[in-house]
């Protein structure tokens, strides 16, 4: 039986104790450190904390590393267009999450046997001039029979707009770095 998907995903590239203060077990941690791939010590600490807090751990773009640290799944970024060996993944019972920015990339992630896909950016972000917006996001979400997760530009001011989306959950980076980000959004209580 497959593991269930968390509703909230936190992207991180290094250990940040603030991110582990939430008492919600419906959280997934996506370890995405492309600059320093050989930081096993830090990743082992993150894996240990995730297990203790009952967060699900996903490793970006590295199946061998995910198996090594006994992660719950892998994360396949949008730039990875390779078709994954789904037989190997099924034998390891790993969840597979991908990311996409358009319909073409969504189809690639479906071919990669993803259990869910981050569709991004939903809201404006500094590193991109374009974003999907609510209408285009919902159109793409409704076109595909797969769990869609919101990502990109989500903050305490627009968090409430997620209720207008057809999503299985959401992910964030900067929202979780602020100690009060989700508290101000009304998601967690102090």
Protein backbone atom coordinates (compact mmCIF):
# COMPACT_ATOMS: atom_id res chain seq x y z
CA UNK A 1 0.00 0.00 0.00
CA UNK A 2 1.28 3.46 -0.91
CA UNK A 3 1.98 6.05 1.72
CA UNK A 4 -0.35 9.01 1.87
CA UNK A 5 0.67 12.39 0.56
CA UNK A 6 1.14 15.30 2.98
CA UNK A 7 -0.89 18.47 2.42
CA UNK A 8 1.95 20.88 3.24
CA UNK A 9 5.45 20.80 1.74
CA UNK A 10 8.47 22.73 2.92
CA UNK A 11 11.43 23.09 0.55
CA UNK A 12 14.82 23.38 2.20
CA UNK A 13 18.48 23.10 1.30
CA UNK A 14 19.92 23.07 4.81
CA UNK A 15 18.79 22.34 8.33
CA UNK A 16 16.65 25.15 9.71
CA UNK A 17 15.26 24.41 13.20
CA UNK A 18 12.41 26.92 12.75
CA UNK A 19 10.93 24.67 10.08
CA UNK A 20 10.60 21.80 12.52
CA UNK A 21 8.63 23.72 15.15
CA UNK A 22 5.23 22.88 13.67
CA UNK A 23 3.21 20.22 15.50
CA UNK A 24 1.42 19.05 12.38
CA UNK A 25 2.27 15.59 11.05
CA UNK A 26 0.78 16.34 7.64
CA UNK A 27 4.03 17.97 6.49
CA UNK A 28 6.49 16.88 3.83
CA UNK A 29 10.08 18.12 3.74
CA UNK A 30 11.69 18.34 0.31
CA UNK A 31 15.46 18.39 0.61
CA UNK A 32 16.62 20.27 -2.48
CA UNK A 33 20.30 21.16 -2.22
CA UNK A 34 21.81 21.30 -5.71
CA UNK A 35 24.87 23.31 -4.65
CA UNK A 36 26.22 20.93 -1.96
CA UNK A 37 25.12 17.40 -2.85
CA UNK A 38 27.67 15.70 -0.60
CA UNK A 39 26.40 17.02 2.73
CA UNK A 40 25.42 13.60 4.14
CA UNK A 41 25.87 14.71 7.74
CA UNK A 42 23.27 17.46 7.48
CA UNK A 43 20.87 15.28 5.49
CA UNK A 44 21.11 12.53 8.10
CA UNK A 45 20.18 15.08 10.79
CA UNK A 46 17.20 16.22 8.72
CA UNK A 47 16.10 12.61 8.14
CA UNK A 48 16.35 11.86 11.87
CA UNK A 49 14.27 14.93 12.80
CA UNK A 50 11.69 14.11 10.11
CA UNK A 51 11.29 10.61 11.49
CA UNK A 52 10.92 11.94 15.06
CA UNK A 53 8.37 14.62 14.01
CA UNK A 54 6.64 12.16 11.63
CA UNK A 55 7.19 14.45 8.64
CA UNK A 56 7.60 12.77 5.27
CA UNK A 57 11.02 13.31 3.69
CA UNK A 58 11.54 13.70 -0.06
CA UNK A 59 14.95 13.92 -1.72
CA UNK A 60 15.29 16.00 -4.87
CA UNK A 61 16.52 14.30 -8.02
CA UNK A 62 18.47 11.46 -6.36
CA UNK A 63 16.86 8.04 -6.01
CA UNK A 64 19.98 6.41 -4.52
CA UNK A 65 20.26 9.07 -1.83
CA UNK A 66 16.53 8.76 -1.06
CA UNK A 67 16.94 5.02 -0.51
CA UNK A 68 20.11 5.54 1.53
CA UNK A 69 18.45 7.89 4.05
CA UNK A 70 15.19 5.90 4.01
CA UNK A 71 13.21 8.83 2.64
CA UNK A 72 9.50 8.55 1.96
CA UNK A 73 9.87 9.72 -1.61
CA UNK A 74 11.68 11.61 -4.30
CA UNK A 75 11.07 15.00 -5.89
CA UNK A 76 11.66 15.37 -9.63
CA UNK A 77 12.17 19.04 -10.60
CA UNK A 78 10.77 20.44 -13.84
CA UNK A 79 14.19 20.50 -15.52
CA UNK A 80 14.50 16.70 -15.18
CA UNK A 81 12.75 15.33 -18.25
CA UNK A 82 14.07 11.74 -17.96
CA UNK A 83 11.53 8.99 -17.61
CA UNK A 84 12.08 7.31 -14.23
CA UNK A 85 12.23 3.55 -13.87
CA UNK A 86 8.82 3.18 -12.24
CA UNK A 87 9.38 -0.52 -11.48
CA UNK A 88 12.33 0.35 -9.22
CA UNK A 89 10.29 3.07 -7.51
CA UNK A 90 7.31 0.80 -6.92
CA UNK A 91 9.54 -1.86 -5.38
CA UNK A 92 10.90 0.73 -2.96
CA UNK A 93 7.40 2.07 -2.23
CA UNK A 94 8.53 5.67 -2.64
CA UNK A 95 6.17 8.51 -3.35
CA UNK A 96 7.13 10.52 -6.41
CA UNK A 97 6.44 14.25 -6.65
CA UNK A 98 7.33 16.39 -9.63
CA UNK A 99 7.08 20.01 -10.60
CA UNK A 100 5.81 21.62 -13.77
CA UNK A 101 5.05 25.06 -15.17
CA UNK A 102 2.77 24.19 -18.10
CA UNK A 103 0.72 21.40 -19.71
CA UNK A 104 3.68 19.93 -21.62
CA UNK A 105 5.70 19.56 -18.40
CA UNK A 106 2.66 18.10 -16.60
CA UNK A 107 2.47 15.34 -19.25
CA UNK A 108 6.18 14.58 -18.71
CA UNK A 109 5.63 14.29 -14.94
CA UNK A 110 2.67 11.96 -15.50
CA UNK A 111 4.92 9.80 -17.74
CA UNK A 112 7.48 9.84 -14.91
CA UNK A 113 4.82 8.18 -12.72
CA UNK A 114 4.50 11.07 -10.29
CA UNK A 115 1.90 10.70 -7.53
CA UNK A 116 1.52 14.49 -7.41
CA UNK A 117 2.78 17.53 -9.29
CA UNK A 118 3.68 21.00 -8.04
CA UNK A 119 2.27 23.51 -10.51
CA UNK A 120 4.10 26.82 -10.31
CA UNK A 121 4.32 29.69 -9.93
CA UNK A 122 0.77 30.36 -8.87
CA UNK A 123 1.47 33.92 -7.71
CA UNK A 124 4.13 36.49 -8.70
CA UNK A 125 7.71 35.66 -7.67
CA UNK A 126 10.92 37.65 -8.02
CA UNK A 127 12.77 35.19 -10.28
CA UNK A 128 10.07 35.04 -12.98
CA UNK A 129 8.09 37.66 -14.88
CA UNK A 130 5.23 35.25 -15.52
CA UNK A 131 2.93 33.38 -13.19
CA UNK A 132 -0.18 31.26 -13.67
CA UNK A 133 -2.78 33.07 -11.59
CA UNK A 134 -5.89 31.39 -10.20
CA UNK A 135 -7.80 30.86 -13.47
CA UNK A 136 -4.98 29.32 -15.50
CA UNK A 137 -3.89 27.24 -12.50
CA UNK A 138 -7.41 25.80 -12.11
CA UNK A 139 -7.68 25.17 -15.84
CA UNK A 140 -4.46 23.12 -15.84
CA UNK A 141 -5.47 21.38 -12.62
CA UNK A 142 -8.85 20.37 -14.06
CA UNK A 143 -7.31 19.14 -17.34
CA UNK A 144 -5.24 16.50 -15.59
CA UNK A 145 -6.26 13.53 -13.50
CA UNK A 146 -3.47 13.76 -10.93
CA UNK A 147 -2.92 15.37 -7.53
CA UNK A 148 -1.92 18.98 -8.13
CA UNK A 149 -0.04 20.99 -5.51
CA UNK A 150 0.30 24.79 -5.52
CA UNK A 151 3.75 26.39 -5.37
CA UNK A 152 5.28 29.78 -5.99
CA UNK A 153 4.69 33.16 -4.43
CA UNK A 154 2.49 31.89 -1.62
CA UNK A 155 2.70 34.22 1.37
CA UNK A 156 0.65 35.23 4.40
CA UNK A 157 -1.22 37.85 2.30
CA UNK A 158 -2.43 35.50 -0.44
CA UNK A 159 -2.58 32.19 1.45
CA UNK A 160 -6.39 32.45 1.80
CA UNK A 161 -6.70 32.41 -2.03
CA UNK A 162 -5.58 28.77 -2.02
CA UNK A 163 -9.17 27.91 -1.06
CA UNK A 164 -10.19 28.89 -4.62
CA UNK A 165 -7.90 26.26 -6.15
CA UNK A 166 -8.41 22.60 -6.95
CA UNK A 167 -5.35 21.34 -5.05
CA UNK A 168 -4.23 18.38 -2.97
CA UNK A 169 -1.89 20.63 -0.97
CA UNK A 170 0.72 23.34 -1.32
CA UNK A 171 4.41 23.97 -0.89
CA UNK A 172 6.52 26.92 0.03
CA UNK A 173 9.98 28.18 0.65
CA UNK A 174 9.93 31.74 1.98
CA UNK A 175 6.56 31.36 3.74
CA UNK A 176 8.08 28.81 6.10
CA UNK A 177 11.31 30.71 6.72
CA UNK A 178 9.44 33.38 8.64
CA UNK A 179 8.69 32.26 12.15
CA UNK A 180 5.20 33.78 11.99
CA UNK A 181 4.40 33.28 8.28
CA UNK A 182 1.75 30.59 8.59
CA UNK A 183 0.57 31.85 11.95
CA UNK A 184 -0.29 35.23 10.38
CA UNK A 185 -1.99 33.35 7.54
CA UNK A 186 -4.19 31.66 10.17
CA UNK A 187 -2.89 28.21 9.38
CA UNK A 188 -1.10 27.37 12.63
CA UNK A 189 -1.85 28.60 16.11
CA UNK A 190 0.83 30.13 18.33
